[in-house]
Amino acid sequence: MKYQCRDQKLTGIEKTAFRLHCSARQLQRILSSYEEDGLVVKIGKGAYQLV
């Protein structure tokens, strides 16, 4: 997210998962754990931002 996402915001879980060659569910699990750790903040449906 730091280097690839514009304004350090990730939007579109499906597209991002496709680019990362993983499933959307796997990416969702990772983002949820990052949110618990305080690394990212959920800013909308399918949208996350680095802290």
N, C-alpha and C. Protein backbone atom coordinates (compact mmCIF):
# COMPACT_ATOMS: atom_id res chain seq x y z
N MET A 1 0.82 -1.19 0.00
CA MET A 1 0.00 0.00 0.00
C MET A 1 0.86 1.25 0.00
N LYS A 2 1.98 1.18 0.70
CA LYS A 2 2.82 2.36 0.83
C LYS A 2 3.36 2.82 -0.52
N TYR A 3 3.72 1.88 -1.38
CA TYR A 3 4.37 2.24 -2.64
C TYR A 3 3.45 2.12 -3.87
N GLN A 4 2.45 1.28 -3.81
CA GLN A 4 1.64 1.00 -4.98
C GLN A 4 0.30 1.72 -5.01
N CYS A 5 -0.23 2.07 -3.86
CA CYS A 5 -1.56 2.68 -3.81
C CYS A 5 -1.46 4.20 -3.79
N ARG A 6 -2.34 4.80 -4.53
CA ARG A 6 -2.41 6.25 -4.61
C ARG A 6 -2.88 6.82 -3.28
N ASP A 7 -2.20 7.82 -2.76
CA ASP A 7 -2.51 8.46 -1.48
C ASP A 7 -2.52 7.46 -0.32
N GLN A 8 -1.85 6.34 -0.47
CA GLN A 8 -1.78 5.27 0.52
C GLN A 8 -3.17 4.77 0.90
N LYS A 9 -4.07 4.76 -0.08
CA LYS A 9 -5.42 4.26 0.11
C LYS A 9 -5.65 3.08 -0.81
N LEU A 10 -6.13 2.00 -0.25
CA LEU A 10 -6.46 0.82 -1.03
C LEU A 10 -7.97 0.80 -1.24
N THR A 11 -8.39 0.78 -2.48
CA THR A 11 -9.81 0.67 -2.79
C THR A 11 -9.99 -0.48 -3.75
N GLY A 12 -11.02 -1.25 -3.53
CA GLY A 12 -11.31 -2.38 -4.40
C GLY A 12 -10.53 -3.63 -4.01
N ILE A 13 -11.09 -4.39 -3.11
CA ILE A 13 -10.45 -5.60 -2.62
C ILE A 13 -10.25 -6.61 -3.76
N GLU A 14 -11.24 -6.76 -4.61
CA GLU A 14 -11.16 -7.75 -5.70
C GLU A 14 -10.01 -7.44 -6.66
N LYS A 15 -9.91 -6.20 -7.10
CA LYS A 15 -8.85 -5.82 -8.03
C LYS A 15 -7.48 -5.97 -7.40
N THR A 16 -7.36 -5.56 -6.15
CA THR A 16 -6.09 -5.64 -5.45
C THR A 16 -5.69 -7.09 -5.23
N ALA A 17 -6.63 -7.93 -4.88
CA ALA A 17 -6.34 -9.35 -4.68
C ALA A 17 -5.89 -9.98 -6.00
N PHE A 18 -6.49 -9.59 -7.10
CA PHE A 18 -6.10 -10.12 -8.40
C PHE A 18 -4.66 -9.72 -8.72
N ARG A 19 -4.30 -8.46 -8.43
CA ARG A 19 -2.94 -7.99 -8.69
C ARG A 19 -1.91 -8.68 -7.81
N LEU A 20 -2.32 -9.05 -6.60
CA LEU A 20 -1.41 -9.70 -5.65
C LEU A 20 -1.40 -11.23 -5.80
N HIS A 21 -2.22 -11.76 -6.69
CA HIS A 21 -2.31 -13.20 -6.93
C HIS A 21 -2.73 -13.96 -5.68
N CYS A 22 -3.74 -13.42 -4.99
CA CYS A 22 -4.31 -14.12 -3.84
C CYS A 22 -5.83 -13.95 -3.92
N SER A 23 -6.51 -14.63 -3.02
CA SER A 23 -7.96 -14.51 -3.03
C SER A 23 -8.39 -13.27 -2.27
N ALA A 24 -9.58 -12.82 -2.55
CA ALA A 24 -10.11 -11.64 -1.88
C ALA A 24 -10.28 -11.93 -0.39
N ARG A 25 -10.64 -13.15 -0.06
CA ARG A 25 -10.83 -13.53 1.35
C ARG A 25 -9.50 -13.47 2.11
N GLN A 26 -8.43 -13.95 1.48
CA GLN A 26 -7.11 -13.89 2.13
C GLN A 26 -6.70 -12.44 2.38
N LEU A 27 -6.90 -11.58 1.40
CA LEU A 27 -6.57 -10.17 1.55
C LEU A 27 -7.41 -9.53 2.63
N GLN A 28 -8.68 -9.90 2.71
CA GLN A 28 -9.57 -9.37 3.73
C GLN A 28 -9.09 -9.76 5.12
N ARG A 29 -8.63 -11.00 5.29
CA ARG A 29 -8.13 -11.46 6.58
C ARG A 29 -6.89 -10.66 6.98
N ILE A 30 -5.99 -10.43 6.04
CA ILE A 30 -4.77 -9.68 6.32
C ILE A 30 -5.11 -8.24 6.71
N LEU A 31 -5.99 -7.62 5.96
CA LEU A 31 -6.38 -6.24 6.27
C LEU A 31 -7.08 -6.14 7.62
N SER A 32 -7.86 -7.14 7.97
CA SER A 32 -8.52 -7.14 9.28
C SER A 32 -7.50 -7.24 10.40
N SER A 33 -6.49 -8.08 10.22
CA SER A 33 -5.46 -8.19 11.26
C SER A 33 -4.64 -6.91 11.34
N TYR A 34 -4.37 -6.27 10.21
CA TYR A 34 -3.66 -4.99 10.22
C TYR A 34 -4.49 -3.92 10.90
N GLU A 35 -5.80 -3.98 10.72
CA GLU A 35 -6.67 -3.00 11.37
C GLU A 35 -6.66 -3.18 12.89
N GLU A 36 -6.64 -4.43 13.35
CA GLU A 36 -6.55 -4.70 14.78
C GLU A 36 -5.23 -4.21 15.36
N ASP A 37 -4.15 -4.33 14.58
CA ASP A 37 -2.82 -3.90 15.02
C ASP A 37 -2.62 -2.39 14.91
N GLY A 38 -3.54 -1.71 14.25
CA GLY A 38 -3.46 -0.26 14.13
C GLY A 38 -2.62 0.21 12.97
N LEU A 39 -2.35 -0.66 11.99
CA LEU A 39 -1.54 -0.28 10.83
C LEU A 39 -2.38 0.37 9.74
N VAL A 40 -3.64 -0.03 9.63
CA VAL A 40 -4.54 0.55 8.62
C VAL A 40 -5.85 0.94 9.29
N VAL A 41 -6.59 1.80 8.64
CA VAL A 41 -7.91 2.24 9.11
C VAL A 41 -8.90 2.00 7.98
N LYS A 42 -10.03 1.42 8.31
CA LYS A 42 -11.08 1.21 7.31
C LYS A 42 -11.80 2.53 7.11
N ILE A 43 -11.82 3.01 5.85
CA ILE A 43 -12.44 4.30 5.58
C ILE A 43 -13.74 4.17 4.80
N GLY A 44 -14.10 2.96 4.44
CA GLY A 44 -15.34 2.74 3.72
C GLY A 44 -15.47 1.28 3.35
N LYS A 45 -16.48 0.97 2.58
CA LYS A 45 -16.70 -0.40 2.16
C LYS A 45 -15.60 -0.79 1.16
N GLY A 46 -14.73 -1.69 1.56
CA GLY A 46 -13.64 -2.15 0.69
C GLY A 46 -12.53 -1.15 0.52
N ALA A 47 -12.43 -0.18 1.41
CA ALA A 47 -11.41 0.86 1.31
C ALA A 47 -10.64 0.97 2.62
N TYR A 48 -9.32 0.98 2.50
CA TYR A 48 -8.46 1.06 3.67
C TYR A 48 -7.38 2.09 3.41
N GLN A 49 -6.86 2.67 4.51
CA GLN A 49 -5.81 3.67 4.40
C GLN A 49 -4.75 3.36 5.44
N LEU A 50 -3.47 3.54 5.05
CA LEU A 50 -2.38 3.38 5.99
C LEU A 50 -2.41 4.48 7.03
N VAL A 51 -2.01 4.13 8.23
CA VAL A 51 -1.96 5.12 9.31
C VAL A 51 -0.60 5.79 9.28
